[in-house]
Structures are given as C-alpha cells and as structure tokens.
Amino acid sequence: MHQNISRYELIEDIISDLTAFVKSDAILYLSKDSYSETEYERMLKGIKDDLVTRFKQREE
C-alpha cells in the first residue's frame, strides 16, 4: 500500500510512534518487578518488534 504522504506527516507519525514506544517501555520498566526477567525481556522485545513493524509499513 503506497500512500502519498508529506515529509511533515511522516515526521509527525514517527514522533508519535516513538512517543508510544517510550511510554510503553517506561510503563513496562516501572512495573518490571512484577514480572520475571524472562517475561520482562519478552514483553520489551514485543514492543520493539511492533515499532519496527510500524516503520516498515510506512516504507511500503
């Protein structure tokens, strides 16, 4: 799916995605004592993978 998107819209989308990632990571980090280290790492990897997927979708 190729969309015509302005440079400014793309920057705004990236900022929004990065903000969501930082917020998710912060919440996960602050509650990490509730999880085992393995579970914490698994959830953090999931958040990172989601961000990568969002960036790749914009390239298409």
N, C-alpha and C. Protein backbone atom coordinates (compact mmCIF):
# COMPACT_ATOMS: atom_id res chain seq x y z
N MET A 1 0.85 -1.17 0.00
CA MET A 1 0.00 0.00 0.00
C MET A 1 0.89 1.23 0.00
N HIS A 2 0.94 1.92 -1.12
CA HIS A 2 1.76 3.13 -1.23
C HIS A 2 0.84 4.34 -1.10
N GLN A 3 1.17 5.20 -0.16
CA GLN A 3 0.37 6.40 0.04
C GLN A 3 1.26 7.61 -0.16
N ASN A 4 0.68 8.64 -0.72
CA ASN A 4 1.40 9.90 -0.82
C ASN A 4 1.29 10.60 0.53
N ILE A 5 2.40 10.77 1.17
CA ILE A 5 2.41 11.38 2.50
C ILE A 5 3.51 12.43 2.52
N SER A 6 3.19 13.56 3.08
CA SER A 6 4.19 14.63 3.10
C SER A 6 5.28 14.31 4.11
N ARG A 7 6.38 14.95 3.94
CA ARG A 7 7.52 14.76 4.84
C ARG A 7 7.13 15.12 6.26
N TYR A 8 6.32 16.14 6.42
CA TYR A 8 5.90 16.58 7.75
C TYR A 8 4.95 15.59 8.41
N GLU A 9 4.06 15.00 7.61
CA GLU A 9 3.17 13.97 8.15
C GLU A 9 3.97 12.74 8.58
N LEU A 10 4.97 12.39 7.79
CA LEU A 10 5.82 11.25 8.12
C LEU A 10 6.59 11.52 9.41
N ILE A 11 7.13 12.71 9.56
CA ILE A 11 7.85 13.07 10.78
C ILE A 11 6.91 13.01 11.97
N GLU A 12 5.72 13.53 11.82
CA GLU A 12 4.72 13.51 12.90
C GLU A 12 4.35 12.08 13.28
N ASP A 13 4.19 11.22 12.27
CA ASP A 13 3.88 9.82 12.54
C ASP A 13 5.02 9.12 13.28
N ILE A 14 6.24 9.38 12.87
CA ILE A 14 7.40 8.77 13.53
C ILE A 14 7.51 9.25 14.96
N ILE A 15 7.32 10.54 15.18
CA ILE A 15 7.36 11.08 16.54
C ILE A 15 6.28 10.43 17.40
N SER A 16 5.10 10.27 16.83
CA SER A 16 4.00 9.64 17.56
C SER A 16 4.34 8.20 17.93
N ASP A 17 4.89 7.45 16.97
CA ASP A 17 5.27 6.06 17.23
C ASP A 17 6.37 5.97 18.28
N LEU A 18 7.36 6.84 18.19
CA LEU A 18 8.45 6.83 19.17
C LEU A 18 7.94 7.20 20.56
N THR A 19 7.03 8.15 20.61
CA THR A 19 6.44 8.54 21.89
C THR A 19 5.68 7.37 22.51
N ALA A 20 4.91 6.67 21.69
CA ALA A 20 4.17 5.50 22.18
C ALA A 20 5.13 4.43 22.67
N PHE A 21 6.24 4.24 21.94
CA PHE A 21 7.24 3.25 22.35
C PHE A 21 7.86 3.63 23.69
N VAL A 22 8.25 4.88 23.85
CA VAL A 22 8.88 5.32 25.10
C VAL A 22 7.91 5.18 26.27
N LYS A 23 6.66 5.56 26.07
CA LYS A 23 5.67 5.42 27.13
C LYS A 23 5.47 3.96 27.50
N SER A 24 5.36 3.09 26.50
CA SER A 24 5.18 1.66 26.76
C SER A 24 6.39 1.09 27.49
N ASP A 25 7.57 1.47 27.04
CA ASP A 25 8.80 0.99 27.67
C ASP A 25 8.89 1.48 29.11
N ALA A 26 8.52 2.73 29.35
CA ALA A 26 8.58 3.29 30.70
C ALA A 26 7.61 2.56 31.63
N ILE A 27 6.41 2.34 31.17
CA ILE A 27 5.42 1.63 31.99
C ILE A 27 5.90 0.22 32.28
N LEU A 28 6.42 -0.44 31.26
CA LEU A 28 6.93 -1.80 31.45
C LEU A 28 8.10 -1.80 32.43
N TYR A 29 9.01 -0.84 32.28
CA TYR A 29 10.17 -0.77 33.17
C TYR A 29 9.74 -0.53 34.62
N LEU A 30 8.80 0.38 34.82
CA LEU A 30 8.36 0.70 36.18
C LEU A 30 7.63 -0.46 36.84
N SER A 31 7.05 -1.33 36.03
CA SER A 31 6.33 -2.47 36.61
C SER A 31 7.11 -3.78 36.47
N LYS A 32 8.39 -3.68 36.11
CA LYS A 32 9.16 -4.90 35.84
C LYS A 32 9.35 -5.79 37.07
N ASP A 33 9.26 -5.22 38.25
CA ASP A 33 9.39 -6.04 39.46
C ASP A 33 8.25 -7.04 39.58
N SER A 34 7.17 -6.79 38.85
CA SER A 34 6.02 -7.70 38.88
C SER A 34 6.22 -8.91 37.98
N TYR A 35 7.25 -8.86 37.12
CA TYR A 35 7.48 -9.90 36.13
C TYR A 35 8.84 -10.56 36.35
N SER A 36 8.98 -11.78 35.87
CA SER A 36 10.30 -12.41 35.88
C SER A 36 11.15 -11.71 34.81
N GLU A 37 12.45 -11.86 34.91
CA GLU A 37 13.35 -11.22 33.95
C GLU A 37 13.06 -11.70 32.53
N THR A 38 12.78 -12.97 32.39
CA THR A 38 12.48 -13.54 31.07
C THR A 38 11.20 -12.93 30.50
N GLU A 39 10.18 -12.81 31.32
CA GLU A 39 8.91 -12.24 30.87
C GLU A 39 9.09 -10.76 30.51
N TYR A 40 9.85 -10.03 31.31
CA TYR A 40 10.13 -8.62 31.03
C TYR A 40 10.83 -8.48 29.68
N GLU A 41 11.86 -9.29 29.44
CA GLU A 41 12.59 -9.23 28.17
C GLU A 41 11.69 -9.59 26.99
N ARG A 42 10.80 -10.57 27.18
CA ARG A 42 9.88 -10.97 26.11
C ARG A 42 8.93 -9.83 25.76
N MET A 43 8.40 -9.15 26.78
CA MET A 43 7.46 -8.05 26.53
C MET A 43 8.18 -6.86 25.88
N LEU A 44 9.39 -6.56 26.33
CA LEU A 44 10.16 -5.47 25.74
C LEU A 44 10.47 -5.77 24.28
N LYS A 45 10.83 -7.00 23.97
CA LYS A 45 11.09 -7.39 22.58
C LYS A 45 9.82 -7.22 21.74
N GLY A 46 8.67 -7.56 22.30
CA GLY A 46 7.40 -7.39 21.59
C GLY A 46 7.13 -5.93 21.26
N ILE A 47 7.40 -5.04 22.21
CA ILE A 47 7.20 -3.61 21.97
C ILE A 47 8.14 -3.13 20.87
N LYS A 48 9.39 -3.55 20.92
CA LYS A 48 10.37 -3.14 19.89
C LYS A 48 9.98 -3.68 18.53
N ASP A 49 9.55 -4.94 18.46
CA ASP A 49 9.13 -5.53 17.19
C ASP A 49 7.94 -4.80 16.60
N ASP A 50 7.01 -4.37 17.45
CA ASP A 50 5.85 -3.61 17.00
C ASP A 50 6.28 -2.28 16.37
N LEU A 51 7.25 -1.62 16.99
CA LEU A 51 7.73 -0.35 16.44
C LEU A 51 8.40 -0.57 15.09
N VAL A 52 9.21 -1.60 14.96
CA VAL A 52 9.86 -1.91 13.69
C VAL A 52 8.81 -2.19 12.61
N THR A 53 7.78 -2.94 12.96
CA THR A 53 6.71 -3.25 12.01
C THR A 53 6.02 -1.98 11.54
N ARG A 54 5.77 -1.05 12.45
CA ARG A 54 5.13 0.22 12.06
C ARG A 54 5.99 0.99 11.07
N PHE A 55 7.31 1.03 11.31
CA PHE A 55 8.20 1.75 10.39
C PHE A 55 8.24 1.07 9.02
N LYS A 56 8.26 -0.25 9.01
CA LYS A 56 8.31 -0.97 7.74
C LYS A 56 7.03 -0.79 6.95
N GLN A 57 5.89 -0.69 7.61
CA GLN A 57 4.62 -0.47 6.91
C GLN A 57 4.62 0.87 6.20
N ARG A 58 5.29 1.85 6.76
CA ARG A 58 5.32 3.18 6.13
C ARG A 58 6.20 3.20 4.89
N GLU A 59 7.18 2.27 4.83
CA GLU A 59 8.06 2.22 3.68
C GLU A 59 7.36 1.66 2.44
N GLU A 60 6.32 0.87 2.66
CA GLU A 60 5.62 0.22 1.55
C GLU A 60 4.79 1.17 0.76
